[in-house]
Amino acid sequence: MKHLAKYLAAVMLLAVGCGEDEFTPTDRGTDFYPLQVGSIWTYAVEETVYSEVAAPQNRSYQLRLTVSDSIKNAAGTYTYVVLRTKKNEGESIWTSLDTWSVRKDDREVIVTEGNTAFKKLMFPVREQLTWNGNEYNTLGEDEYVFHTVDLTEPINGMTFDHTIRVEQENNGDFIVFLDERDEVYAKGVGLVKRSLRQLNYCSTEDCIGQQKIKSGRVYAQVLLSYEK
């Protein structure tokens, strides 16, 4: 009986160990934001800018992001330098816009746009996981969430089998200030789609609730090609 008890105990321990391994997240989702020097993403951009003093300005152009360099950090991770260039519709020459930087480790992706750092992704990727996208800047807390995870999504004639959608804001305010922002990432590719609508509406007594746009921006960025 003693030998039988020892045998049963060993089986139970083995079963518990297997159960733990089964739920260990071996894939943290870091491949949703691949980074290496030489990678190039090219996007089609449609943008409308609204102003109180001028007619809406519609812009169509291509945006290209090129990882031009990497710098090793003290922690052993890397900061990647991303050169942003654009080409207007009908033009053949790419012109420089600016340079951004990206820092990535096994916990997060931080993109510095100009002088402002945004926490774009958290790892491991998990549906409904939330985090503060403004953790590394002074703009005030802004909750990001993985709205959908691991979905197949067609984008611009291409089909991506594994995508995540990050909802950065969706306040649904059509009275004073509408703020809708989201980004879609594909596994092994990175950012494939970015959408933004930030609109200030007229809110004086004679026009409140009529959705008359005072100022703001509507922006759509969709992947055309990706080169590793």
Protein backbone atom coordinates (compact mmCIF):
# COMPACT_ATOMS: atom_id res chain seq x y z
CA MET A 1 0.00 0.00 0.00
CA LYS A 2 2.89 2.36 0.76
CA HIS A 3 4.27 1.87 -2.76
CA LEU A 4 0.81 2.45 -4.23
CA ALA A 5 0.43 5.69 -2.26
CA LYS A 6 3.82 6.92 -3.45
CA TYR A 7 2.90 6.04 -7.05
CA LEU A 8 -0.42 7.94 -6.85
CA ALA A 9 1.29 10.98 -5.31
CA ALA A 10 3.84 11.04 -8.13
CA VAL A 11 1.09 10.84 -10.73
CA MET A 12 -0.77 13.73 -9.08
CA LEU A 13 2.35 15.90 -9.02
CA LEU A 14 3.02 15.14 -12.68
CA ALA A 15 -0.55 16.08 -13.58
CA VAL A 16 -0.32 19.36 -11.68
CA GLY A 17 2.98 20.15 -13.39
CA CYS A 18 1.50 19.51 -16.83
CA GLY A 19 -1.45 21.74 -16.02
CA GLU A 20 0.85 24.62 -15.09
CA ASP A 21 2.85 24.23 -18.30
CA GLU A 22 -0.33 24.19 -20.33
CA PHE A 23 -1.29 27.67 -19.14
CA THR A 24 2.17 29.25 -19.27
CA PRO A 25 2.09 31.98 -21.96
CA THR A 26 5.04 30.91 -24.12
CA ASP A 27 4.06 33.34 -26.92
CA ARG A 28 3.90 36.82 -25.43
CA GLY A 29 2.92 38.41 -28.74
CA THR A 30 6.09 40.42 -29.24
CA ASP A 31 6.04 39.49 -32.94
CA PHE A 32 3.10 41.84 -33.43
CA TYR A 33 5.74 44.59 -33.44
CA PRO A 34 8.82 43.18 -35.25
CA LEU A 35 11.86 45.44 -35.38
CA GLN A 36 15.14 45.13 -37.24
CA VAL A 37 17.39 47.57 -39.06
CA GLY A 38 16.43 47.80 -42.72
CA SER A 39 12.71 47.07 -42.30
CA ILE A 40 10.42 49.33 -44.35
CA TRP A 41 6.66 49.92 -44.08
CA THR A 42 4.84 51.92 -46.76
CA TYR A 43 1.32 53.26 -46.12
CA ALA A 44 -1.41 55.10 -47.97
CA VAL A 45 -2.66 58.06 -45.95
CA GLU A 46 -5.91 60.01 -46.29
CA GLU A 47 -6.18 63.04 -44.02
CA THR A 48 -8.62 65.90 -43.54
CA VAL A 49 -7.77 68.88 -41.32
CA TYR A 50 -10.53 71.21 -40.13
CA SER A 51 -10.02 74.81 -39.03
CA GLU A 52 -12.25 77.64 -37.88
CA VAL A 53 -10.51 80.08 -40.24
CA ALA A 54 -10.23 78.05 -43.46
CA ALA A 55 -11.98 75.42 -45.53
CA PRO A 56 -11.20 71.75 -44.75
CA GLN A 57 -7.86 70.63 -46.18
CA ASN A 58 -7.85 67.16 -47.79
CA ARG A 59 -4.51 65.42 -48.19
CA SER A 60 -3.56 62.14 -49.90
CA TYR A 61 -0.02 60.85 -49.71
CA GLN A 62 2.19 57.84 -49.05
CA LEU A 63 4.07 57.50 -45.78
CA ARG A 64 7.21 55.39 -45.46
CA LEU A 65 8.80 54.23 -42.19
CA THR A 66 12.36 52.91 -42.37
CA VAL A 67 14.29 51.44 -39.42
CA SER A 68 17.62 53.12 -40.07
CA ASP A 69 19.64 52.30 -36.94
CA SER A 70 19.60 50.68 -33.50
CA ILE A 71 21.25 51.75 -30.26
CA LYS A 72 21.94 49.32 -27.40
CA ASN A 73 20.60 50.44 -24.02
CA ALA A 74 22.17 49.85 -20.61
CA ALA A 75 19.53 47.20 -19.87
CA GLY A 76 20.62 45.19 -22.92
CA THR A 77 17.59 46.13 -25.03
CA TYR A 78 17.68 48.33 -28.14
CA THR A 79 16.23 51.67 -29.18
CA TYR A 80 15.45 51.72 -32.91
CA VAL A 81 15.65 54.86 -35.03
CA VAL A 82 12.74 55.20 -37.48
CA LEU A 83 13.01 57.62 -40.39
CA ARG A 84 9.65 58.93 -41.64
CA THR A 85 9.37 60.13 -45.23
CA LYS A 86 6.38 61.05 -47.41
CA LYS A 87 5.48 61.26 -51.07
CA ASN A 88 2.49 63.30 -52.21
CA GLU A 89 0.03 61.89 -54.71
CA GLY A 90 1.48 62.21 -58.21
CA GLU A 91 5.06 62.76 -57.00
CA SER A 92 8.03 60.39 -57.32
CA ILE A 93 10.45 61.84 -54.77
CA TRP A 94 10.32 60.95 -51.05
CA THR A 95 10.87 63.90 -48.72
CA SER A 96 11.93 63.71 -45.08
CA LEU A 97 9.32 64.37 -42.38
CA ASP A 98 11.04 63.59 -39.09
CA THR A 99 12.62 60.83 -37.01
CA TRP A 100 10.88 58.75 -34.36
CA SER A 101 12.32 56.14 -32.02
CA VAL A 102 11.00 52.82 -30.73
CA ARG A 103 12.01 50.94 -27.60
CA LYS A 104 10.82 47.36 -27.19
CA ASP A 105 11.36 44.61 -24.64
CA ASP A 106 9.38 41.55 -23.53
CA ARG A 107 6.93 43.74 -21.56
CA GLU A 108 6.09 46.74 -23.76
CA VAL A 109 6.61 48.85 -26.89
CA ILE A 110 7.27 52.57 -26.43
CA VAL A 111 7.15 54.81 -29.51
CA THR A 112 8.50 58.36 -29.19
CA GLU A 113 6.70 60.56 -31.72
CA GLY A 114 8.72 63.75 -31.85
CA ASN A 115 9.35 64.43 -28.17
CA THR A 116 6.31 62.53 -26.83
CA ALA A 117 6.54 58.88 -25.78
CA PHE A 118 3.50 56.60 -26.07
CA LYS A 119 3.17 53.09 -24.66
CA LYS A 120 1.72 51.43 -27.77
CA LEU A 121 1.63 47.76 -26.72
CA MET A 122 1.78 45.60 -23.61
CA PHE A 123 2.96 41.98 -23.40
CA PRO A 124 1.75 39.32 -23.12
CA VAL A 125 -1.06 40.19 -25.53
CA ARG A 126 -4.44 39.37 -24.01
CA GLU A 127 -7.94 40.43 -24.99
CA GLN A 128 -9.34 43.27 -22.80
CA LEU A 129 -5.93 43.93 -21.22
CA THR A 130 -5.72 47.66 -20.44
CA TRP A 131 -2.82 50.01 -19.78
CA ASN A 132 -1.98 53.71 -19.63
CA GLY A 133 -0.76 54.78 -23.08
CA ASN A 134 0.56 58.03 -21.60
CA GLU A 135 2.59 56.39 -18.85
CA TYR A 136 5.83 57.89 -20.21
CA ASN A 137 4.59 61.40 -20.99
CA THR A 138 2.80 64.24 -19.17
CA LEU A 139 -0.44 64.32 -21.19
CA GLY A 140 -2.57 62.69 -18.50
CA GLU A 141 -3.79 59.11 -18.21
CA ASP A 142 -5.20 57.57 -21.41
CA GLU A 143 -6.45 54.00 -21.18
CA TYR A 144 -5.60 51.69 -24.08
CA VAL A 145 -7.18 48.25 -24.45
CA PHE A 146 -6.72 45.16 -26.61
CA HIS A 147 -10.19 45.28 -28.15
CA THR A 148 -9.78 42.17 -30.33
CA VAL A 149 -7.01 39.57 -30.41
CA ASP A 150 -5.93 37.03 -33.04
CA LEU A 151 -8.54 37.80 -35.69
CA THR A 152 -8.24 37.42 -39.46
CA GLU A 153 -8.62 40.79 -41.12
CA PRO A 154 -8.53 41.89 -44.77
CA ILE A 155 -6.69 45.18 -45.26
CA ASN A 156 -6.08 46.87 -48.60
CA GLY A 157 -6.32 43.67 -50.65
CA MET A 158 -4.17 41.66 -48.22
CA THR A 159 -5.38 39.14 -45.63
CA PHE A 160 -3.69 38.96 -42.24
CA ASP A 161 -4.51 35.80 -40.28
CA HIS A 162 -3.46 37.06 -36.85
CA THR A 163 -4.22 40.66 -35.88
CA ILE A 164 -4.79 42.66 -32.72
CA ARG A 165 -6.78 45.87 -32.46
CA VAL A 166 -5.75 48.43 -29.86
CA GLU A 167 -8.53 50.84 -28.99
CA GLN A 168 -6.84 53.96 -27.70
CA GLU A 169 -9.98 56.05 -27.27
CA ASN A 170 -13.67 55.89 -28.17
CA ASN A 171 -15.55 58.53 -26.21
CA GLY A 172 -18.61 58.68 -28.49
CA ASP A 173 -19.05 62.41 -27.86
CA PHE A 174 -20.79 64.03 -30.84
CA ILE A 175 -21.71 67.16 -28.88
CA VAL A 176 -18.44 68.82 -27.83
CA PHE A 177 -15.33 66.74 -28.66
CA LEU A 178 -15.25 63.42 -30.50
CA ASP A 179 -12.16 61.31 -29.89
CA GLU A 180 -11.85 57.95 -31.68
CA ARG A 181 -8.43 56.32 -32.12
CA ASP A 182 -7.37 52.75 -32.85
CA GLU A 183 -4.47 50.81 -34.33
CA VAL A 184 -4.34 47.33 -35.88
CA TYR A 185 -1.19 45.18 -35.79
CA ALA A 186 -0.52 41.95 -37.71
CA LYS A 187 1.73 39.20 -36.43
CA GLY A 188 5.11 39.25 -38.14
CA VAL A 189 4.34 42.58 -39.83
CA GLY A 190 3.54 45.29 -37.26
CA LEU A 191 1.21 48.24 -37.74
CA VAL A 192 -1.14 47.65 -40.69
CA LYS A 193 -3.87 50.21 -40.01
CA ARG A 194 -4.29 53.39 -37.99
CA SER A 195 -7.49 55.42 -37.66
CA LEU A 196 -8.11 58.70 -35.89
CA ARG A 197 -11.05 61.10 -35.58
CA GLN A 198 -10.60 64.05 -33.23
CA LEU A 199 -13.23 66.71 -33.85
CA ASN A 200 -14.24 69.80 -31.90
CA TYR A 201 -17.91 70.66 -32.47
CA CYS A 202 -19.62 74.00 -32.19
CA SER A 203 -21.18 74.02 -28.72
CA THR A 204 -22.69 77.50 -28.42
CA GLU A 205 -26.42 77.85 -27.84
CA ASP A 206 -27.28 78.34 -31.51
CA CYS A 207 -25.44 75.24 -32.80
CA ILE A 208 -24.90 72.73 -29.97
CA GLY A 209 -25.80 69.19 -30.95
CA GLN A 210 -25.77 69.93 -34.71
CA GLN A 211 -22.32 68.35 -35.21
CA LYS A 212 -20.92 71.45 -36.87
CA ILE A 213 -17.16 70.91 -36.90
CA LYS A 214 -15.07 73.81 -35.60
CA SER A 215 -11.67 72.16 -35.83
CA GLY A 216 -10.01 68.79 -35.77
CA ARG A 217 -8.56 65.99 -37.81
CA VAL A 218 -9.63 62.78 -39.52
CA TYR A 219 -6.77 60.43 -40.40
CA ALA A 220 -6.58 56.97 -42.02
CA GLN A 221 -3.29 55.11 -42.54
CA VAL A 222 -3.34 51.72 -44.31
CA LEU A 223 -0.43 49.42 -45.16
CA LEU A 224 0.61 49.13 -48.81
CA SER A 225 3.76 47.02 -48.43
CA TYR A 226 6.26 45.71 -45.89
CA GLU A 227 9.91 44.74 -46.42
CA LYS A 228 12.03 42.97 -43.82
